[in-house]
Amino acid sequence: MLRRHLLLAAPVVLSGRRAFGQSLSDRGITIVVPYPAGGPTDAVARLTAEAMARDLAPEGVPSVVVENVSGAGGTIGSGRVANARPDGTTLLVHHLGHAASATLYRRLPYDVETSFAPIALLNDVPLLVCARADFPARDLRELMAMMKARGLEITAANSGLGGTDHLGGMLLQREAGAQITTVSFRGSAPATTEVIAGRIDLFFGQTTSVVGHVRAGRMKAYAITSPTRSRFEGLTEVPTVLEQGAPGLLMRIWQGILAPKGTPDAVQQRLARAAQAALRDEKLLGRFRDLATEAVPQEQASPAYFTRLLGEDVARWRPIIQAAGQYAD
């Protein structure tokens, strides 16, 4: 009798595996990154895609690839995913800028919270308040004093309106009580190049994109936006914003995976498990450490946690952007 029950149960399990694989077997999974290749979000997405592919391959998913669809502060790529077939074959990897875009763009063709199904939070990245290597300020307090005294003479690069560096720059100006000149580029790579070359003064960069330049002395780091100092090589001596009396600069940058609204619950759950498995992958964790970022704890990688965080950040950034009056449309 026991043998008969086992034989009857087996097709149910296999059918579930085939059903998931069938929906993705023709094209596999494409992860859209709404920014140019080479930036911090692109790096995190590619590492995650590789690890998810290893977890999903036994179920017949042929590939997990990354496609860069940049422009309009990440809203073009996000719009593509919002309008994609909700079957799990097209996903989005975005960062905190996704939450801010709900206010920054007053006429979006999708709703930041309701047009997507959050799948998994991936990592937690602080920002570094950076400057060209020969910028004269010696610490964060002196930097903010110079901003207040020199105003628009001081320049800051960002990767485009709505980028995390743009948002961090808004906080820095608010904390300093100063307005400086901001210059937008198509991505963080060209923005950092201009700072390294000495043509732009400041950059508010994710550790994942600037840690190598700071370690090499090509850029100067004044502060890190986490509540405690970084444990990563080359950053341990960088003081926190709290140490320097600037709590308003505390800022958590996240990257996460979202699917189009309407993606079947079973597919969402399997994708979430694949993402959580990726965050236990030693190869991925090692590469994250090289980029001076860390995977979130497993309990924070859940759809429920990510949904709650997204809503909180939409609410947090709305008054900041409205007070600054800096809109992208």
C-alpha atoms as a PDB file:
ATOM      1  CA  MET A   1       0.000   0.000   0.000  1.00  0.00           C
ATOM      2  CA  LEU A   2       2.824   2.379   0.843  1.00  0.00           C
ATOM      3  CA  ARG A   3       4.496   1.634  -2.507  1.00  0.00           C
ATOM      4  CA  ARG A   4       1.257   2.531  -4.326  1.00  0.00           C
ATOM      5  CA  HIS A   5       0.953   5.885  -2.536  1.00  0.00           C
ATOM      6  CA  LEU A   6       4.513   6.798  -3.445  1.00  0.00           C
ATOM      7  CA  LEU A   7       3.951   5.983  -7.091  1.00  0.00           C
ATOM      8  CA  LEU A   8       0.789   8.080  -7.171  1.00  0.00           C
ATOM      9  CA  ALA A   9       2.512  11.040  -5.517  1.00  0.00           C
ATOM     10  CA  ALA A  10       5.527  11.110  -7.804  1.00  0.00           C
ATOM     11  CA  PRO A  11       3.750  12.387 -10.953  1.00  0.00           C
ATOM     12  CA  VAL A  12       2.330  15.315  -8.964  1.00  0.00           C
ATOM     13  CA  VAL A  13       5.825  16.521  -8.003  1.00  0.00           C
ATOM     14  CA  LEU A  14       7.184  16.029 -11.497  1.00  0.00           C
ATOM     15  CA  SER A  15       4.189  17.780 -13.016  1.00  0.00           C
ATOM     16  CA  GLY A  16       4.845  20.822 -10.843  1.00  0.00           C
ATOM     17  CA  ARG A  17       8.474  20.923 -11.948  1.00  0.00           C
ATOM     18  CA  ARG A  18       7.482  20.614 -15.612  1.00  0.00           C
ATOM     19  CA  ALA A  19       4.808  23.292 -15.309  1.00  0.00           C
ATOM     20  CA  PHE A  20       7.306  25.800 -14.015  1.00  0.00           C
ATOM     21  CA  GLY A  21       9.971  24.825 -16.523  1.00  0.00           C
ATOM     22  CA  GLN A  22       7.508  24.853 -19.436  1.00  0.00           C
ATOM     23  CA  SER A  23       6.613  28.518 -18.934  1.00  0.00           C
ATOM     24  CA  LEU A  24      10.262  29.505 -19.112  1.00  0.00           C
ATOM     25  CA  SER A  25      11.796  26.806 -21.317  1.00  0.00           C
ATOM     26  CA  ASP A  26      11.433  28.623 -24.642  1.00  0.00           C
ATOM     27  CA  ARG A  27      13.191  31.882 -23.742  1.00  0.00           C
ATOM     28  CA  GLY A  28      14.570  31.406 -20.266  1.00  0.00           C
ATOM     29  CA  ILE A  29      14.627  34.471 -18.029  1.00  0.00           C
ATOM     30  CA  THR A  30      15.708  37.964 -19.016  1.00  0.00           C
ATOM     31  CA  ILE A  31      16.599  40.346 -16.194  1.00  0.00           C
ATOM     32  CA  VAL A  32      16.261  43.948 -17.310  1.00  0.00           C
ATOM     33  CA  VAL A  33      18.689  46.426 -15.730  1.00  0.00           C
ATOM     34  CA  PRO A  34      17.417  49.951 -16.434  1.00  0.00           C
ATOM     35  CA  TYR A  35      20.945  51.412 -16.467  1.00  0.00           C
ATOM     36  CA  PRO A  36      24.010  51.060 -18.700  1.00  0.00           C
ATOM     37  CA  ALA A  37      26.362  48.113 -18.420  1.00  0.00           C
ATOM     38  CA  GLY A  38      29.277  48.509 -16.037  1.00  0.00           C
ATOM     39  CA  GLY A  39      27.431  50.243 -13.203  1.00  0.00           C
ATOM     40  CA  PRO A  40      26.781  48.892  -9.700  1.00  0.00           C
ATOM     41  CA  THR A  41      23.239  47.665 -10.385  1.00  0.00           C
ATOM     42  CA  ASP A  42      24.423  45.911 -13.530  1.00  0.00           C
ATOM     43  CA  ALA A  43      27.208  44.169 -11.577  1.00  0.00           C
ATOM     44  CA  VAL A  44      24.815  42.935  -8.878  1.00  0.00           C
ATOM     45  CA  ALA A  45      22.277  41.780 -11.474  1.00  0.00           C
ATOM     46  CA  ARG A  46      24.833  39.793 -13.474  1.00  0.00           C
ATOM     47  CA  LEU A  47      26.235  38.039 -10.419  1.00  0.00           C
ATOM     48  CA  THR A  48      22.720  37.210  -9.221  1.00  0.00           C
ATOM     49  CA  ALA A  49      21.676  35.980 -12.675  1.00  0.00           C
ATOM     50  CA  GLU A  50      24.588  33.533 -12.781  1.00  0.00           C
ATOM     51  CA  ALA A  51      23.732  32.112  -9.368  1.00  0.00           C
ATOM     52  CA  MET A  52      19.987  31.884 -10.093  1.00  0.00           C
ATOM     53  CA  ALA A  53      20.727  30.078 -13.358  1.00  0.00           C
ATOM     54  CA  ARG A  54      22.605  27.394 -11.439  1.00  0.00           C
ATOM     55  CA  ASP A  55      19.626  26.884  -9.129  1.00  0.00           C
ATOM     56  CA  LEU A  56      16.996  26.830 -11.887  1.00  0.00           C
ATOM     57  CA  ALA A  57      18.856  24.740 -14.483  1.00  0.00           C
ATOM     58  CA  PRO A  58      17.703  21.364 -13.062  1.00  0.00           C
ATOM     59  CA  GLU A  59      14.090  22.430 -13.734  1.00  0.00           C
ATOM     60  CA  GLY A  60      14.734  23.054 -17.411  1.00  0.00           C
ATOM     61  CA  VAL A  61      15.246  26.817 -17.366  1.00  0.00           C
ATOM     62  CA  PRO A  62      17.882  27.232 -20.109  1.00  0.00           C
ATOM     63  CA  SER A  63      19.340  30.605 -19.113  1.00  0.00           C
ATOM     64  CA  VAL A  64      19.102  33.710 -16.971  1.00  0.00           C
ATOM     65  CA  VAL A  65      20.519  36.670 -18.895  1.00  0.00           C
ATOM     66  CA  VAL A  66      20.821  40.395 -18.271  1.00  0.00           C
ATOM     67  CA  GLU A  67      19.678  43.064 -20.733  1.00  0.00           C
ATOM     68  CA  ASN A  68      20.540  46.724 -20.217  1.00  0.00           C
ATOM     69  CA  VAL A  69      17.649  49.023 -21.155  1.00  0.00           C
ATOM     70  CA  SER A  70      18.778  52.446 -19.992  1.00  0.00           C
ATOM     71  CA  GLY A  71      17.341  55.933 -20.239  1.00  0.00           C
ATOM     72  CA  ALA A  72      15.076  58.393 -18.433  1.00  0.00           C
ATOM     73  CA  GLY A  73      16.450  57.638 -14.994  1.00  0.00           C
ATOM     74  CA  GLY A  74      15.638  53.932 -15.200  1.00  0.00           C
ATOM     75  CA  THR A  75      12.003  54.425 -16.154  1.00  0.00           C
ATOM     76  CA  ILE A  76      12.313  53.091 -19.721  1.00  0.00           C
ATOM     77  CA  GLY A  77      13.578  49.693 -18.611  1.00  0.00           C
ATOM     78  CA  SER A  78      11.111  49.610 -15.735  1.00  0.00           C
ATOM     79  CA  GLY A  79       8.277  50.389 -18.113  1.00  0.00           C
ATOM     80  CA  ARG A  80       9.282  47.524 -20.361  1.00  0.00           C
ATOM     81  CA  VAL A  81       9.040  45.089 -17.468  1.00  0.00           C
ATOM     82  CA  ALA A  82       5.766  46.575 -16.203  1.00  0.00           C
ATOM     83  CA  ASN A  83       4.248  45.872 -19.631  1.00  0.00           C
ATOM     84  CA  ALA A  84       5.878  42.472 -20.170  1.00  0.00           C
ATOM     85  CA  ARG A  85       3.951  39.219 -20.204  1.00  0.00           C
ATOM     86  CA  PRO A  86       3.534  38.255 -16.530  1.00  0.00           C
ATOM     87  CA  ASP A  87       4.913  34.727 -16.806  1.00  0.00           C
ATOM     88  CA  GLY A  88       8.280  35.029 -15.054  1.00  0.00           C
ATOM     89  CA  THR A  89      10.368  35.338 -18.215  1.00  0.00           C
ATOM     90  CA  THR A  90      11.022  39.087 -17.788  1.00  0.00           C
ATOM     91  CA  LEU A  91      12.229  40.523 -14.497  1.00  0.00           C
ATOM     92  CA  LEU A  92      13.611  43.833 -13.288  1.00  0.00           C
ATOM     93  CA  VAL A  93      16.597  44.484 -11.050  1.00  0.00           C
ATOM     94  CA  HIS A  94      16.354  48.019  -9.701  1.00  0.00           C
ATOM     95  CA  HIS A  95      17.546  49.989  -6.698  1.00  0.00           C
ATOM     96  CA  LEU A  96      16.301  52.668  -4.315  1.00  0.00           C
ATOM     97  CA  GLY A  97      15.757  54.976  -7.293  1.00  0.00           C
ATOM     98  CA  HIS A  98      12.706  52.886  -8.165  1.00  0.00           C
ATOM     99  CA  ALA A  99      11.019  54.091  -4.962  1.00  0.00           C
ATOM    100  CA  ALA A 100      12.107  57.700  -5.492  1.00  0.00           C
ATOM    101  CA  SER A 101      10.820  57.732  -9.082  1.00  0.00           C
ATOM    102  CA  ALA A 102       7.258  57.579  -7.741  1.00  0.00           C
ATOM    103  CA  THR A 103       7.669  61.268  -6.820  1.00  0.00           C
ATOM    104  CA  LEU A 104      10.547  62.336  -9.057  1.00  0.00           C
ATOM    105  CA  TYR A 105       8.493  61.544 -12.187  1.00  0.00           C
ATOM    106  CA  ARG A 106       5.009  63.012 -12.001  1.00  0.00           C
ATOM    107  CA  ARG A 107       3.722  61.239 -15.125  1.00  0.00           C
ATOM    108  CA  LEU A 108       4.968  57.672 -15.067  1.00  0.00           C
ATOM    109  CA  PRO A 109       3.306  55.131 -17.412  1.00  0.00           C
ATOM    110  CA  TYR A 110       3.187  52.637 -14.524  1.00  0.00           C
ATOM    111  CA  ASP A 111       2.724  52.642 -10.755  1.00  0.00           C
ATOM    112  CA  VAL A 112       5.930  51.987  -8.805  1.00  0.00           C
ATOM    113  CA  GLU A 113       4.181  49.891  -6.168  1.00  0.00           C
ATOM    114  CA  THR A 114       1.189  48.285  -7.877  1.00  0.00           C
ATOM    115  CA  SER A 115       2.558  47.527 -11.370  1.00  0.00           C
ATOM    116  CA  PHE A 116       5.191  45.131 -10.009  1.00  0.00           C
ATOM    117  CA  ALA A 117       5.441  42.104  -7.762  1.00  0.00           C
ATOM    118  CA  PRO A 118       8.519  42.376  -5.511  1.00  0.00           C
ATOM    119  CA  ILE A 119      10.374  39.048  -5.632  1.00  0.00           C
ATOM    120  CA  ALA A 120      13.488  39.441  -3.494  1.00  0.00           C
ATOM    121  CA  LEU A 121      15.721  42.053  -1.938  1.00  0.00           C
ATOM    122  CA  LEU A 122      19.338  41.254  -2.828  1.00  0.00           C
ATOM    123  CA  ASN A 123      21.885  43.430  -1.099  1.00  0.00           C
ATOM    124  CA  ASP A 124      22.531  46.440   1.069  1.00  0.00           C
ATOM    125  CA  VAL A 125      24.989  49.095  -0.099  1.00  0.00           C
ATOM    126  CA  PRO A 126      26.090  52.286   1.646  1.00  0.00           C
ATOM    127  CA  LEU A 127      27.175  55.384  -0.253  1.00  0.00           C
ATOM    128  CA  LEU A 128      30.489  57.203  -0.016  1.00  0.00           C
ATOM    129  CA  VAL A 129      30.689  60.977  -0.061  1.00  0.00           C
ATOM    130  CA  CYS A 130      33.605  61.308  -2.500  1.00  0.00           C
ATOM    131  CA  ALA A 131      35.596  64.028  -4.206  1.00  0.00           C
ATOM    132  CA  ARG A 132      38.371  64.400  -6.733  1.00  0.00           C
ATOM    133  CA  ALA A 133      41.693  63.410  -5.193  1.00  0.00           C
ATOM    134  CA  ASP A 134      42.974  66.993  -4.853  1.00  0.00           C
ATOM    135  CA  PHE A 135      39.800  68.569  -3.462  1.00  0.00           C
ATOM    136  CA  PRO A 136      40.937  70.800  -0.550  1.00  0.00           C
ATOM    137  CA  ALA A 137      38.359  69.929   2.159  1.00  0.00           C
ATOM    138  CA  ARG A 138      39.859  67.703   4.862  1.00  0.00           C
ATOM    139  CA  ASP A 139      36.663  66.176   6.274  1.00  0.00           C
ATOM    140  CA  LEU A 140      32.891  66.157   5.832  1.00  0.00           C
ATOM    141  CA  ARG A 141      32.287  69.203   8.046  1.00  0.00           C
ATOM    142  CA  GLU A 142      34.814  71.234   6.062  1.00  0.00           C
ATOM    143  CA  LEU A 143      33.298  69.996   2.808  1.00  0.00           C
ATOM    144  CA  MET A 144      29.822  71.178   3.823  1.00  0.00           C
ATOM    145  CA  ALA A 145      31.212  74.517   4.994  1.00  0.00           C
ATOM    146  CA  MET A 146      32.845  74.967   1.575  1.00  0.00           C
ATOM    147  CA  MET A 147      29.564  74.086  -0.131  1.00  0.00           C
ATOM    148  CA  LYS A 148      27.766  76.744   1.863  1.00  0.00           C
ATOM    149  CA  ALA A 149      30.450  79.361   1.185  1.00  0.00           C
ATOM    150  CA  ARG A 150      31.045  78.658  -2.509  1.00  0.00           C
ATOM    151  CA  GLY A 151      27.609  77.425  -3.573  1.00  0.00           C
ATOM    152  CA  LEU A 152      27.214  76.887  -7.294  1.00  0.00           C
ATOM    153  CA  GLU A 153      30.975  77.060  -7.849  1.00  0.00           C
ATOM    154  CA  ILE A 154      31.169  73.506  -6.499  1.00  0.00           C
ATOM    155  CA  THR A 155      30.094  70.769  -8.902  1.00  0.00           C
ATOM    156  CA  ALA A 156      28.758  67.262  -8.285  1.00  0.00           C
ATOM    157  CA  ALA A 157      28.366  64.461 -10.806  1.00  0.00           C
ATOM    158  CA  ASN A 158      25.524  61.954 -10.866  1.00  0.00           C
ATOM    159  CA  SER A 159      24.438  59.076 -13.063  1.00  0.00           C
ATOM    160  CA  GLY A 160      21.169  60.765 -14.003  1.00  0.00           C
ATOM    161  CA  LEU A 161      18.079  62.093 -12.271  1.00  0.00           C
ATOM    162  CA  GLY A 162      16.733  59.465  -9.925  1.00  0.00           C
ATOM    163  CA  GLY A 163      20.045  57.651  -9.573  1.00  0.00           C
ATOM    164  CA  THR A 164      21.186  56.864  -6.049  1.00  0.00           C
ATOM    165  CA  ASP A 165      24.052  59.339  -6.436  1.00  0.00           C
ATOM    166  CA  HIS A 166      21.551  62.045  -7.402  1.00  0.00           C
ATOM    167  CA  LEU A 167      19.414  61.220  -4.353  1.00  0.00           C
ATOM    168  CA  GLY A 168      22.460  61.218  -2.085  1.00  0.00           C
ATOM    169  CA  GLY A 169      23.497  64.566  -3.498  1.00  0.00           C
ATOM    170  CA  MET A 170      20.077  65.969  -2.619  1.00  0.00           C
ATOM    171  CA  LEU A 171      20.528  64.822   0.979  1.00  0.00           C
ATOM    172  CA  LEU A 172      24.043  66.312   1.115  1.00  0.00           C
ATOM    173  CA  GLN A 173      22.796  69.712  -0.081  1.00  0.00           C
ATOM    174  CA  ARG A 174      19.934  69.604   2.415  1.00  0.00           C
ATOM    175  CA  GLU A 175      22.281  68.690   5.269  1.00  0.00           C
ATOM    176  CA  ALA A 176      24.753  71.422   4.303  1.00  0.00           C
ATOM    177  CA  GLY A 177      22.043  74.025   3.733  1.00  0.00           C
ATOM    178  CA  ALA A 178      23.622  74.788   0.368  1.00  0.00           C
ATOM    179  CA  GLN A 179      22.890  74.560  -3.320  1.00  0.00           C
ATOM    180  CA  ILE A 180      25.650  73.390  -5.671  1.00  0.00           C
ATOM    181  CA  THR A 181      25.818  72.674  -9.395  1.00  0.00           C
ATOM    182  CA  THR A 182      24.851  69.114 -10.342  1.00  0.00           C
ATOM    183  CA  VAL A 183      25.887  67.555 -13.653  1.00  0.00           C
ATOM    184  CA  SER A 184      24.078  64.454 -14.911  1.00  0.00           C
ATOM    185  CA  PHE A 185      25.671  61.718 -17.002  1.00  0.00           C
ATOM    186  CA  ARG A 186      24.362  58.505 -18.582  1.00  0.00           C
ATOM    187  CA  GLY A 187      25.496  56.152 -15.866  1.00  0.00           C
ATOM    188  CA  SER A 188      27.888  56.109 -12.928  1.00  0.00           C
ATOM    189  CA  ALA A 189      30.925  55.097 -15.005  1.00  0.00           C
ATOM    190  CA  PRO A 190      31.172  58.382 -16.993  1.00  0.00           C
ATOM    191  CA  ALA A 191      30.288  60.340 -13.833  1.00  0.00           C
ATOM    192  CA  THR A 192      33.179  58.852 -11.860  1.00  0.00           C
ATOM    193  CA  THR A 193      35.510  59.345 -14.843  1.00  0.00           C
ATOM    194  CA  GLU A 194      34.880  63.094 -14.743  1.00  0.00           C
ATOM    195  CA  VAL A 195      35.602  63.243 -11.008  1.00  0.00           C
ATOM    196  CA  ILE A 196      38.790  61.192 -11.365  1.00  0.00           C
ATOM    197  CA  ALA A 197      39.907  63.500 -14.181  1.00  0.00           C
ATOM    198  CA  GLY A 198      39.390  66.505 -11.883  1.00  0.00           C
ATOM    199  CA  ARG A 199      36.757  68.165 -14.034  1.00  0.00           C
ATOM    200  CA  ILE A 200      33.971  67.618 -11.432  1.00  0.00           C
ATOM    201  CA  ASP A 201      34.409  68.109  -7.689  1.00  0.00           C
ATOM    202  CA  LEU A 202      32.106  65.633  -5.929  1.00  0.00           C
ATOM    203  CA  PHE A 203      30.401  62.286  -6.367  1.00  0.00           C
ATOM    204  CA  PHE A 204      28.035  60.473  -3.996  1.00  0.00           C
ATOM    205  CA  GLY A 205      28.757  56.900  -5.089  1.00  0.00           C
ATOM    206  CA  GLN A 206      27.745  53.406  -4.083  1.00  0.00           C
ATOM    207  CA  THR A 207      30.675  51.506  -2.606  1.00  0.00           C
ATOM    208  CA  THR A 208      30.228  48.949  -5.384  1.00  0.00           C
ATOM    209  CA  SER A 209      31.155  51.542  -8.014  1.00  0.00           C
ATOM    210  CA  VAL A 210      33.822  53.643  -6.268  1.00  0.00           C
ATOM    211  CA  VAL A 211      35.650  51.348  -3.832  1.00  0.00           C
ATOM    212  CA  GLY A 212      38.375  50.534  -6.366  1.00  0.00           C
ATOM    213  CA  HIS A 213      39.027  54.215  -7.084  1.00  0.00           C
ATOM    214  CA  VAL A 214      39.166  55.057  -3.375  1.00  0.00           C
ATOM    215  CA  ARG A 215      41.571  52.196  -2.692  1.00  0.00           C
ATOM    216  CA  ALA A 216      43.804  53.367  -5.537  1.00  0.00           C
ATOM    217  CA  GLY A 217      43.779  57.000  -4.379  1.00  0.00           C
ATOM    218  CA  ARG A 218      42.040  58.243  -7.504  1.00  0.00           C
ATOM    219  CA  MET A 219      39.170  59.610  -5.403  1.00  0.00           C
ATOM    220  CA  LYS A 220      38.923  60.920  -1.855  1.00  0.00           C
ATOM    221  CA  ALA A 221      36.242  59.529   0.503  1.00  0.00           C
ATOM    222  CA  TYR A 222      34.935  61.801   3.267  1.00  0.00           C
ATOM    223  CA  ALA A 223      32.189  59.677   4.808  1.00  0.00           C
ATOM    224  CA  ILE A 224      30.145  56.499   4.526  1.00  0.00           C
ATOM    225  CA  THR A 225      26.358  56.645   4.895  1.00  0.00           C
ATOM    226  CA  SER A 226      25.991  53.493   7.019  1.00  0.00           C
ATOM    227  CA  PRO A 227      25.531  53.696  10.817  1.00  0.00           C
ATOM    228  CA  THR A 228      28.812  51.810  11.359  1.00  0.00           C
ATOM    229  CA  ARG A 229      32.139  51.810   9.538  1.00  0.00           C
ATOM    230  CA  SER A 230      32.723  49.428   6.666  1.00  0.00           C
ATOM    231  CA  ARG A 231      34.652  46.232   7.346  1.00  0.00           C
ATOM    232  CA  PHE A 232      35.943  46.043   3.792  1.00  0.00           C
ATOM    233  CA  GLU A 233      39.533  46.667   2.751  1.00  0.00           C
ATOM    234  CA  GLY A 234      40.280  50.266   1.895  1.00  0.00           C
ATOM    235  CA  LEU A 235      37.161  51.607   3.619  1.00  0.00           C
ATOM    236  CA  THR A 236      37.714  50.829   7.296  1.00  0.00           C
ATOM    237  CA  GLU A 237      39.258  54.255   7.925  1.00  0.00           C
ATOM    238  CA  VAL A 238      36.379  56.175   6.325  1.00  0.00           C
ATOM    239  CA  PRO A 239      34.293  57.730   9.155  1.00  0.00           C
ATOM    240  CA  THR A 240      30.520  57.439   9.189  1.00  0.00           C
ATOM    241  CA  VAL A 241      28.181  60.363   8.707  1.00  0.00           C
ATOM    242  CA  LEU A 242      27.086  59.889  12.327  1.00  0.00           C
ATOM    243  CA  GLU A 243      30.668  60.318  13.570  1.00  0.00           C
ATOM    244  CA  GLN A 244      30.791  63.639  11.756  1.00  0.00           C
ATOM    245  CA  GLY A 245      27.498  64.991  13.039  1.00  0.00           C
ATOM    246  CA  ALA A 246      25.441  64.491   9.883  1.00  0.00           C
ATOM    247  CA  PRO A 247      22.668  61.972  10.713  1.00  0.00           C
ATOM    248  CA  GLY A 248      20.558  63.295   7.855  1.00  0.00           C
ATOM    249  CA  LEU A 249      22.959  61.581   5.454  1.00  0.00           C
ATOM    250  CA  LEU A 250      22.205  58.057   6.668  1.00  0.00           C
ATOM    251  CA  MET A 251      21.176  56.248   3.517  1.00  0.00           C
ATOM    252  CA  ARG A 252      20.619  52.597   2.641  1.00  0.00           C
ATOM    253  CA  ILE A 253      20.817  51.594  -1.004  1.00  0.00           C
ATOM    254  CA  TRP A 254      19.249  48.316  -1.995  1.00  0.00           C
ATOM    255  CA  GLN A 255      18.991  46.326  -5.168  1.00  0.00           C
ATOM    256  CA  GLY A 256      16.099  43.943  -5.666  1.00  0.00           C
ATOM    257  CA  ILE A 257      14.223  41.792  -8.175  1.00  0.00           C
ATOM    258  CA  LEU A 258      10.703  42.631  -9.322  1.00  0.00           C
ATOM    259  CA  ALA A 259       8.326  40.865 -11.712  1.00  0.00           C
ATOM    260  CA  PRO A 260       5.351  42.271 -13.621  1.00  0.00           C
ATOM    261  CA  LYS A 261       2.094  42.422 -11.689  1.00  0.00           C
ATOM    262  CA  GLY A 262      -0.008  39.345 -12.376  1.00  0.00           C
ATOM    263  CA  THR A 263       2.864  36.876 -12.445  1.00  0.00           C
ATOM    264  CA  PRO A 264       1.420  33.625 -11.021  1.00  0.00           C
ATOM    265  CA  ASP A 265       2.010  33.121  -7.312  1.00  0.00           C
ATOM    266  CA  ALA A 266       3.735  29.778  -7.871  1.00  0.00           C
ATOM    267  CA  VAL A 267       6.198  31.353 -10.292  1.00  0.00           C
ATOM    268  CA  GLN A 268       6.830  34.277  -7.928  1.00  0.00           C
ATOM    269  CA  GLN A 269       7.538  31.881  -5.086  1.00  0.00           C
ATOM    270  CA  ARG A 270       9.925  29.763  -7.161  1.00  0.00           C
ATOM    271  CA  LEU A 271      11.790  32.845  -8.369  1.00  0.00           C
ATOM    272  CA  ALA A 272      12.031  34.077  -4.772  1.00  0.00           C
ATOM    273  CA  ARG A 273      13.520  30.742  -3.706  1.00  0.00           C
ATOM    274  CA  ALA A 274      16.015  30.913  -6.575  1.00  0.00           C
ATOM    275  CA  ALA A 275      17.054  34.407  -5.499  1.00  0.00           C
ATOM    276  CA  GLN A 276      17.394  33.288  -1.885  1.00  0.00           C
ATOM    277  CA  ALA A 277      19.515  30.339  -3.014  1.00  0.00           C
ATOM    278  CA  ALA A 278      21.691  32.762  -4.990  1.00  0.00           C
ATOM    279  CA  LEU A 279      22.298  34.755  -1.808  1.00  0.00           C
ATOM    280  CA  ARG A 280      23.733  31.608  -0.210  1.00  0.00           C
ATOM    281  CA  ASP A 281      26.018  30.912  -3.189  1.00  0.00           C
ATOM    282  CA  GLU A 282      29.642  31.219  -2.061  1.00  0.00           C
ATOM    283  CA  LYS A 283      30.816  32.422  -5.469  1.00  0.00           C
ATOM    284  CA  LEU A 284      28.296  35.260  -5.446  1.00  0.00           C
ATOM    285  CA  LEU A 285      29.049  36.166  -1.823  1.00  0.00           C
ATOM    286  CA  GLY A 286      32.761  36.342  -2.588  1.00  0.00           C
ATOM    287  CA  ARG A 287      32.191  38.677  -5.536  1.00  0.00           C
ATOM    288  CA  PHE A 288      29.861  40.812  -3.402  1.00  0.00           C
ATOM    289  CA  ARG A 289      32.680  41.173  -0.865  1.00  0.00           C
ATOM    290  CA  ASP A 290      35.024  42.310  -3.646  1.00  0.00           C
ATOM    291  CA  LEU A 291      32.494  45.051  -4.426  1.00  0.00           C
ATOM    292  CA  ALA A 292      32.217  46.046  -0.736  1.00  0.00           C
ATOM    293  CA  THR A 293      28.581  45.056  -0.490  1.00  0.00           C
ATOM    294  CA  GLU A 294      26.757  42.355   1.423  1.00  0.00           C
ATOM    295  CA  ALA A 295      23.798  40.112   0.690  1.00  0.00           C
ATOM    296  CA  VAL A 296      20.796  40.817   2.864  1.00  0.00           C
ATOM    297  CA  PRO A 297      19.877  38.208   5.506  1.00  0.00           C
ATOM    298  CA  GLN A 298      17.561  35.483   4.214  1.00  0.00           C
ATOM    299  CA  GLU A 299      14.578  36.855   6.136  1.00  0.00           C
ATOM    300  CA  GLN A 300      14.978  40.175   4.285  1.00  0.00           C
ATOM    301  CA  ALA A 301      15.134  38.462   0.886  1.00  0.00           C
ATOM    302  CA  SER A 302      11.428  37.621   1.037  1.00  0.00           C
ATOM    303  CA  PRO A 303       8.739  39.204  -1.150  1.00  0.00           C
ATOM    304  CA  ALA A 304       6.891  40.431   1.949  1.00  0.00           C
ATOM    305  CA  TYR A 305       9.899  42.267   3.375  1.00  0.00           C
ATOM    306  CA  PHE A 306      10.764  43.812   0.013  1.00  0.00           C
ATOM    307  CA  THR A 307       7.166  44.970  -0.501  1.00  0.00           C
ATOM    308  CA  ARG A 308       7.155  46.676   2.895  1.00  0.00           C
ATOM    309  CA  LEU A 309      10.564  48.326   2.321  1.00  0.00           C
ATOM    310  CA  LEU A 310       9.534  49.636  -1.093  1.00  0.00           C
ATOM    311  CA  GLY A 311       6.458  51.288   0.392  1.00  0.00           C
ATOM    312  CA  GLU A 312       8.470  52.820   3.223  1.00  0.00           C
ATOM    313  CA  ASP A 313      11.024  54.296   0.821  1.00  0.00           C
ATOM    314  CA  VAL A 314       8.350  55.724  -1.484  1.00  0.00           C
ATOM    315  CA  ALA A 315       6.947  57.528   1.564  1.00  0.00           C
ATOM    316  CA  ARG A 316      10.379  58.630   2.840  1.00  0.00           C
ATOM    317  CA  TRP A 317      11.555  60.218  -0.404  1.00  0.00           C
ATOM    318  CA  ARG A 318       8.314  61.953  -1.358  1.00  0.00           C
ATOM    319  CA  PRO A 319       8.709  64.968   1.002  1.00  0.00           C
ATOM    320  CA  ILE A 320      12.459  65.216   0.336  1.00  0.00           C
ATOM    321  CA  ILE A 321      11.974  65.475  -3.427  1.00  0.00           C
ATOM    322  CA  GLN A 322       8.978  67.770  -3.101  1.00  0.00           C
ATOM    323  CA  ALA A 323      10.910  70.104  -0.804  1.00  0.00           C
ATOM    324  CA  ALA A 324      13.823  70.208  -3.238  1.00  0.00           C
ATOM    325  CA  GLY A 325      11.484  70.821  -6.154  1.00  0.00           C
ATOM    326  CA  GLN A 326      13.688  68.682  -8.382  1.00  0.00           C
ATOM    327  CA  TYR A 327      11.490  66.759 -10.783  1.00  0.00           C
ATOM    328  CA  ALA A 328      12.603  64.783 -13.815  1.00  0.00           C
ATOM    329  CA  ASP A 329       9.633  65.504 -16.082  1.00  0.00           C
END
